[in-house]
Amino acid sequence: MRVALVGALLVLLPVATAIPCDAPLQLRTSDPLLESGLERSLRDAGLGTALDAKRLAVSLVDLTRPGEPVYAGLHDDRMMYAASLPKIAILLALFEAIDRGDVVWEDSFRWKIQQMINISNNAEATWAGEQVGLPAIGRVMKDPRYCLYEPGVGGLWAGRFFQKGGPSHREPLKQLSHAATSRQAARFYVLLDRGGLVSPYWSHAMRRLMAPPLYHHKFVGALEGRSGLRFVARKSGTWQTFHSDSALIQHGHARYVLTALANDPGGEAMMRRVARAADDLIVAGAHRRWPVRGGSR
């Protein structure tokens, strides 16, 4: 009787499904100087109301000193619909499959991937996703090597192909099909920059396919024309009131990652304000505790 009771209780207990995360660069702790500077700059840019209403999430990572990223995030673990930005999740899953030999690389892939990323072509994104399948994309996001999607927290997710109808594999937290947090989107670029996605070889290949940006809006529209600035990698997204942008940027000696998600009819203009404020902050470097020397990487 006692054994039966214990067995019944065990059946009722929830089963732990979280996988321990061994991935590097979790970006869980904001640098107080950079975070205060970021929030002040965004409020000065007229974005205080959006921040207070949690309609805007921003992550900023200063990579200027190699091996010592400095991070700041505002509402950075807030899950939001991210439109086309999660096509970077499809990109990573595809290169994982290529590296394993499950998908054989062909020269035509280069054009298809550039179309998916640089002009956000939905047909090519659907093609790329179909090479691996939606469950596989989710597994890569949850992979302990990356932890780009964390159970109970959220993160980067592409759970539906970019076409009408078809299968769906929504993320478990909010049941969103195309989602992100600004922190996990930022981690994608930090890992990409240090060669930590798939392998250094494939990370380099992905970076080359993610630039130059061909849509001159949001971050790009805000920063084009600034001397010495280039987008090393970039992906944006827009659907109705949802606006997102993400980039790895080199500006003179400074190198940084910026990601932002907004749910606001004025999201396009908000993205531009975020980009200008963040770039000014990084270039000024008042948060840095070391002298900056040398040129661009």
Protein backbone atom coordinates (compact mmCIF):
# COMPACT_ATOMS: atom_id res chain seq x y z
CA MET A 1 0.00 0.00 0.00
CA ARG A 2 2.82 2.38 0.93
CA VAL A 3 4.72 1.56 -2.28
CA ALA A 4 1.57 2.14 -4.33
CA LEU A 5 1.04 5.52 -2.64
CA VAL A 6 4.62 6.61 -3.31
CA GLY A 7 4.28 5.51 -6.91
CA ALA A 8 1.10 7.51 -7.31
CA LEU A 9 2.77 10.60 -5.88
CA LEU A 10 5.69 10.25 -8.27
CA VAL A 11 3.30 10.14 -11.19
CA LEU A 12 1.78 13.43 -10.03
CA LEU A 13 5.13 15.19 -9.63
CA PRO A 14 6.18 17.43 -12.54
CA VAL A 15 8.98 16.06 -14.68
CA ALA A 16 12.03 18.34 -14.94
CA THR A 17 12.66 19.09 -18.60
CA ALA A 18 15.23 21.91 -18.36
CA ILE A 19 18.61 21.05 -19.84
CA PRO A 20 21.66 22.39 -17.98
CA CYS A 21 23.19 25.23 -19.95
CA ASP A 22 26.93 25.09 -20.55
CA ALA A 23 26.94 27.77 -23.21
CA PRO A 24 29.36 30.69 -22.81
CA LEU A 25 28.60 34.40 -22.66
CA GLN A 26 25.22 34.27 -20.95
CA LEU A 27 25.07 38.10 -20.69
CA ARG A 28 23.01 37.82 -17.53
CA THR A 29 24.63 40.75 -15.72
CA SER A 30 24.47 44.31 -16.97
CA ASP A 31 27.45 46.59 -16.48
CA PRO A 32 26.06 49.41 -14.29
CA LEU A 33 27.87 52.20 -16.15
CA LEU A 34 26.85 51.00 -19.60
CA GLU A 35 23.27 50.24 -18.52
CA SER A 36 22.74 53.61 -16.88
CA GLY A 37 24.25 55.33 -19.91
CA LEU A 38 22.03 53.33 -22.26
CA GLU A 39 18.84 54.06 -20.36
CA ARG A 40 19.69 57.75 -20.02
CA SER A 41 20.49 58.00 -23.75
CA LEU A 42 17.25 56.27 -24.76
CA ARG A 43 15.17 58.47 -22.49
CA ASP A 44 16.93 61.54 -23.85
CA ALA A 45 15.98 60.27 -27.31
CA GLY A 46 12.32 60.32 -26.35
CA LEU A 47 11.92 56.58 -25.72
CA GLY A 48 11.13 56.73 -21.99
CA THR A 49 7.40 56.08 -22.42
CA ALA A 50 8.04 52.98 -24.53
CA LEU A 51 10.55 51.70 -21.96
CA ASP A 52 8.19 52.31 -19.05
CA ALA A 53 5.38 50.48 -20.88
CA LYS A 54 7.76 47.61 -21.75
CA ARG A 55 7.02 48.08 -25.45
CA LEU A 56 10.75 48.34 -26.15
CA ALA A 57 13.56 45.93 -25.29
CA VAL A 58 17.22 46.71 -26.00
CA SER A 59 20.53 44.89 -25.57
CA LEU A 60 23.96 46.40 -26.18
CA VAL A 61 27.30 44.56 -26.01
CA ASP A 62 30.60 46.42 -26.26
CA LEU A 63 33.10 44.02 -27.88
CA THR A 64 35.83 46.59 -28.38
CA ARG A 65 38.22 44.87 -25.98
CA PRO A 66 38.59 41.28 -27.31
CA GLY A 67 37.57 38.64 -24.79
CA GLU A 68 35.97 41.14 -22.39
CA PRO A 69 32.42 41.93 -23.52
CA VAL A 70 30.59 44.66 -21.61
CA TYR A 71 26.82 44.19 -21.56
CA ALA A 72 23.72 46.26 -20.88
CA GLY A 73 20.10 45.20 -21.29
CA LEU A 74 16.72 46.84 -20.74
CA HIS A 75 13.71 44.46 -20.63
CA ASP A 76 16.15 42.10 -22.28
CA ASP A 77 14.40 38.85 -21.28
CA ARG A 78 10.96 40.03 -22.41
CA MET A 79 9.68 37.65 -25.09
CA MET A 80 8.28 39.50 -28.09
CA TYR A 81 7.09 38.66 -31.56
CA ALA A 82 10.13 39.40 -33.73
CA ALA A 83 8.84 38.96 -37.31
CA SER A 84 11.76 38.08 -39.63
CA LEU A 85 14.59 38.53 -37.15
CA PRO A 86 14.39 34.81 -36.12
CA LYS A 87 15.46 33.83 -39.62
CA ILE A 88 18.89 33.81 -37.97
CA ALA A 89 17.67 30.75 -36.03
CA ILE A 90 16.96 29.01 -39.34
CA LEU A 91 20.41 30.08 -40.56
CA LEU A 92 22.13 28.49 -37.56
CA ALA A 93 20.11 25.27 -37.77
CA LEU A 94 20.90 24.97 -41.47
CA PHE A 95 24.65 25.32 -40.91
CA GLU A 96 24.46 22.80 -38.06
CA ALA A 97 22.90 20.34 -40.50
CA ILE A 98 25.53 21.12 -43.14
CA ASP A 99 28.33 20.60 -40.62
CA ARG A 100 26.88 17.20 -39.59
CA GLY A 101 26.54 16.15 -43.21
CA ASP A 102 22.74 15.91 -43.04
CA VAL A 103 22.52 18.63 -45.70
CA VAL A 104 25.10 18.81 -48.50
CA TRP A 105 26.34 22.30 -49.28
CA GLU A 106 25.74 23.50 -52.83
CA ASP A 107 26.92 26.72 -54.46
CA SER A 108 23.31 27.81 -54.96
CA PHE A 109 22.90 27.99 -51.17
CA ARG A 110 24.94 31.18 -51.00
CA TRP A 111 22.46 33.20 -53.05
CA LYS A 112 19.45 31.66 -51.29
CA ILE A 113 20.82 32.47 -47.83
CA GLN A 114 21.74 36.02 -48.79
CA GLN A 115 18.20 36.47 -50.09
CA MET A 116 16.80 35.13 -46.81
CA ILE A 117 18.94 37.38 -44.62
CA ASN A 118 19.73 40.54 -46.57
CA ILE A 119 16.37 41.17 -48.25
CA SER A 120 14.37 38.87 -45.93
CA ASN A 121 12.95 36.76 -48.76
CA ASN A 122 10.22 34.57 -47.26
CA ALA A 123 10.36 31.91 -49.96
CA GLU A 124 14.08 31.33 -49.38
CA ALA A 125 13.54 31.31 -45.60
CA THR A 126 10.91 28.60 -46.08
CA TRP A 127 13.33 26.68 -48.31
CA ALA A 128 16.09 26.90 -45.68
CA GLY A 129 13.74 25.85 -42.89
CA GLU A 130 12.47 22.87 -44.84
CA GLN A 131 16.03 21.57 -45.22
CA VAL A 132 16.13 20.84 -41.47
CA GLY A 133 12.53 20.95 -40.21
CA LEU A 134 10.89 22.96 -37.44
CA PRO A 135 11.62 20.51 -34.56
CA ALA A 136 15.32 20.53 -35.47
CA ILE A 137 15.41 24.34 -35.40
CA GLY A 138 13.93 24.25 -31.89
CA ARG A 139 16.48 21.65 -30.75
CA VAL A 140 19.36 23.80 -31.97
CA MET A 141 18.00 26.83 -30.11
CA LYS A 142 17.79 24.77 -26.90
CA ASP A 143 21.13 23.02 -27.45
CA PRO A 144 23.25 23.38 -24.26
CA ARG A 145 26.16 24.59 -26.41
CA TYR A 146 24.11 27.68 -27.28
CA CYS A 147 21.08 28.05 -24.95
CA LEU A 148 19.59 30.60 -27.32
CA TYR A 149 16.19 29.53 -26.00
CA GLU A 150 15.88 28.78 -22.29
CA PRO A 151 12.90 26.89 -20.81
CA GLY A 152 10.89 29.21 -18.60
CA VAL A 153 12.72 32.28 -19.90
CA GLY A 154 12.44 32.23 -23.67
CA GLY A 155 14.78 33.43 -26.37
CA LEU A 156 15.29 33.00 -30.08
CA TRP A 157 12.65 30.90 -31.90
CA ALA A 158 11.46 30.16 -35.44
CA GLY A 159 8.47 27.85 -35.17
CA ARG A 160 6.73 28.35 -38.48
CA PHE A 161 7.90 28.67 -42.05
CA PHE A 162 7.43 32.05 -43.68
CA GLN A 163 4.44 31.15 -45.80
CA LYS A 164 0.67 30.95 -45.41
CA GLY A 165 -0.48 27.78 -43.73
CA GLY A 166 1.84 24.85 -43.21
CA PRO A 167 3.15 23.22 -40.03
CA SER A 168 3.73 25.04 -36.77
CA HIS A 169 6.06 24.37 -33.83
CA ARG A 170 5.43 27.30 -31.50
CA GLU A 171 7.68 28.07 -28.56
CA PRO A 172 6.31 26.78 -25.24
CA LEU A 173 6.41 29.98 -23.15
CA LYS A 174 4.04 32.29 -25.03
CA GLN A 175 3.11 30.12 -28.02
CA LEU A 176 4.79 32.55 -30.41
CA SER A 177 5.81 31.42 -33.88
CA HIS A 178 8.64 33.89 -34.57
CA ALA A 179 10.07 35.27 -31.34
CA ALA A 180 13.10 36.60 -29.56
CA THR A 181 14.41 38.30 -26.48
CA SER A 182 16.91 41.07 -27.07
CA ARG A 183 19.47 39.29 -24.85
CA GLN A 184 19.40 36.03 -26.76
CA ALA A 185 19.42 37.80 -30.12
CA ALA A 186 22.50 39.69 -28.89
CA ARG A 187 24.13 36.43 -27.76
CA PHE A 188 23.71 35.04 -31.27
CA TYR A 189 25.93 37.84 -32.62
CA VAL A 190 28.46 37.66 -29.79
CA LEU A 191 28.88 33.92 -30.37
CA LEU A 192 28.99 34.52 -34.13
CA ASP A 193 31.74 37.11 -33.69
CA ARG A 194 33.95 34.84 -31.62
CA GLY A 195 33.46 31.81 -33.91
CA GLY A 196 31.21 30.01 -31.45
CA LEU A 197 28.32 29.08 -33.77
CA VAL A 198 28.88 25.60 -35.23
CA SER A 199 32.63 26.19 -35.76
CA PRO A 200 34.98 29.12 -36.44
CA TYR A 201 34.87 28.23 -40.15
CA TRP A 202 31.07 28.23 -40.40
CA SER A 203 30.74 31.28 -38.13
CA HIS A 204 32.95 33.18 -40.55
CA ALA A 205 30.87 31.93 -43.49
CA MET A 206 27.64 33.07 -41.81
CA ARG A 207 29.06 36.53 -41.06
CA ARG A 208 29.98 36.98 -44.71
CA LEU A 209 26.48 35.99 -45.81
CA MET A 210 24.83 38.44 -43.37
CA ALA A 211 26.34 41.59 -44.90
CA PRO A 212 26.17 44.09 -46.42
CA PRO A 213 22.57 44.97 -45.52
CA LEU A 214 20.39 45.78 -48.52
CA TYR A 215 17.44 47.36 -46.67
CA HIS A 216 18.42 50.88 -45.63
CA HIS A 217 15.94 51.32 -42.81
CA LYS A 218 15.95 51.08 -38.99
CA PHE A 219 19.54 50.72 -37.70
CA VAL A 220 21.02 51.04 -41.18
CA GLY A 221 19.01 54.12 -42.10
CA ALA A 222 19.98 55.76 -38.82
CA LEU A 223 23.71 55.11 -39.06
CA GLU A 224 24.55 55.18 -42.77
CA GLY A 225 26.81 58.07 -43.54
CA ARG A 226 28.65 57.93 -40.23
CA SER A 227 32.33 57.85 -41.04
CA GLY A 228 34.17 54.57 -40.44
CA LEU A 229 31.02 52.56 -39.67
CA ARG A 230 30.15 49.23 -41.26
CA PHE A 231 27.64 46.49 -40.58
CA VAL A 232 29.51 43.21 -40.12
CA ALA A 233 26.24 41.25 -39.86
CA ARG A 234 22.60 42.34 -39.64
CA LYS A 235 19.02 41.03 -39.59
CA SER A 236 15.81 42.98 -39.06
CA GLY A 237 12.11 42.18 -38.99
CA THR A 238 8.75 43.95 -39.37
CA TRP A 239 5.14 42.80 -39.09
CA GLN A 240 2.28 45.15 -38.31
CA THR A 241 3.28 47.00 -35.08
CA PHE A 242 6.20 44.66 -34.35
CA HIS A 243 9.63 45.98 -35.30
CA SER A 244 13.02 44.43 -34.60
CA ASP A 245 16.62 44.93 -35.63
CA SER A 246 19.92 43.30 -34.74
CA ALA A 247 23.47 43.86 -35.85
CA LEU A 248 27.18 43.37 -35.28
CA ILE A 249 28.73 46.77 -35.98
CA GLN A 250 32.28 48.08 -36.38
CA HIS A 251 32.69 51.84 -35.96
CA GLY A 252 36.29 52.94 -36.06
CA HIS A 253 38.06 51.26 -33.15
CA ALA A 254 34.78 50.25 -31.54
CA ARG A 255 32.98 46.97 -32.15
CA TYR A 256 29.59 46.19 -30.69
CA VAL A 257 26.32 44.26 -30.92
CA LEU A 258 22.97 46.04 -30.78
CA THR A 259 19.54 44.38 -30.72
CA ALA A 260 16.13 45.95 -30.21
CA LEU A 261 12.52 44.73 -30.24
CA ALA A 262 9.45 46.98 -30.20
CA ASN A 263 5.69 46.63 -30.31
CA ASP A 264 4.63 50.09 -31.37
CA PRO A 265 3.16 51.72 -34.50
CA GLY A 266 6.18 54.03 -34.50
CA GLY A 267 8.65 51.18 -34.22
CA GLU A 268 10.63 52.11 -37.34
CA ALA A 269 11.47 55.53 -35.91
CA MET A 270 12.16 53.98 -32.51
CA MET A 271 14.73 51.64 -34.05
CA ARG A 272 16.52 54.62 -35.58
CA ARG A 273 16.60 56.46 -32.25
CA VAL A 274 17.95 53.37 -30.50
CA ALA A 275 20.72 52.98 -33.09
CA ARG A 276 21.89 56.60 -32.88
CA ALA A 277 21.84 56.62 -29.08
CA ALA A 278 23.73 53.32 -28.81
CA ASP A 279 26.34 54.25 -31.40
CA ASP A 280 27.03 57.59 -29.74
CA LEU A 281 27.36 55.80 -26.39
CA ILE A 282 29.77 53.16 -27.67
CA VAL A 283 31.95 55.60 -29.59
CA ALA A 284 32.19 57.97 -26.62
CA GLY A 285 33.20 55.01 -24.43
CA ALA A 286 32.58 56.73 -21.08
CA HIS A 287 31.69 53.34 -19.54
CA ARG A 288 35.06 51.81 -20.36
CA ARG A 289 37.58 51.23 -17.61
CA TRP A 290 40.52 50.86 -19.98
CA PRO A 291 42.23 53.07 -22.58
CA VAL A 292 41.27 52.27 -26.17
CA ARG A 293 44.13 51.82 -28.61
CA GLY A 294 44.51 50.48 -32.11
CA GLY A 295 42.31 50.49 -35.16
CA SER A 296 39.50 48.44 -36.60
CA ARG A 297 39.57 44.68 -36.65
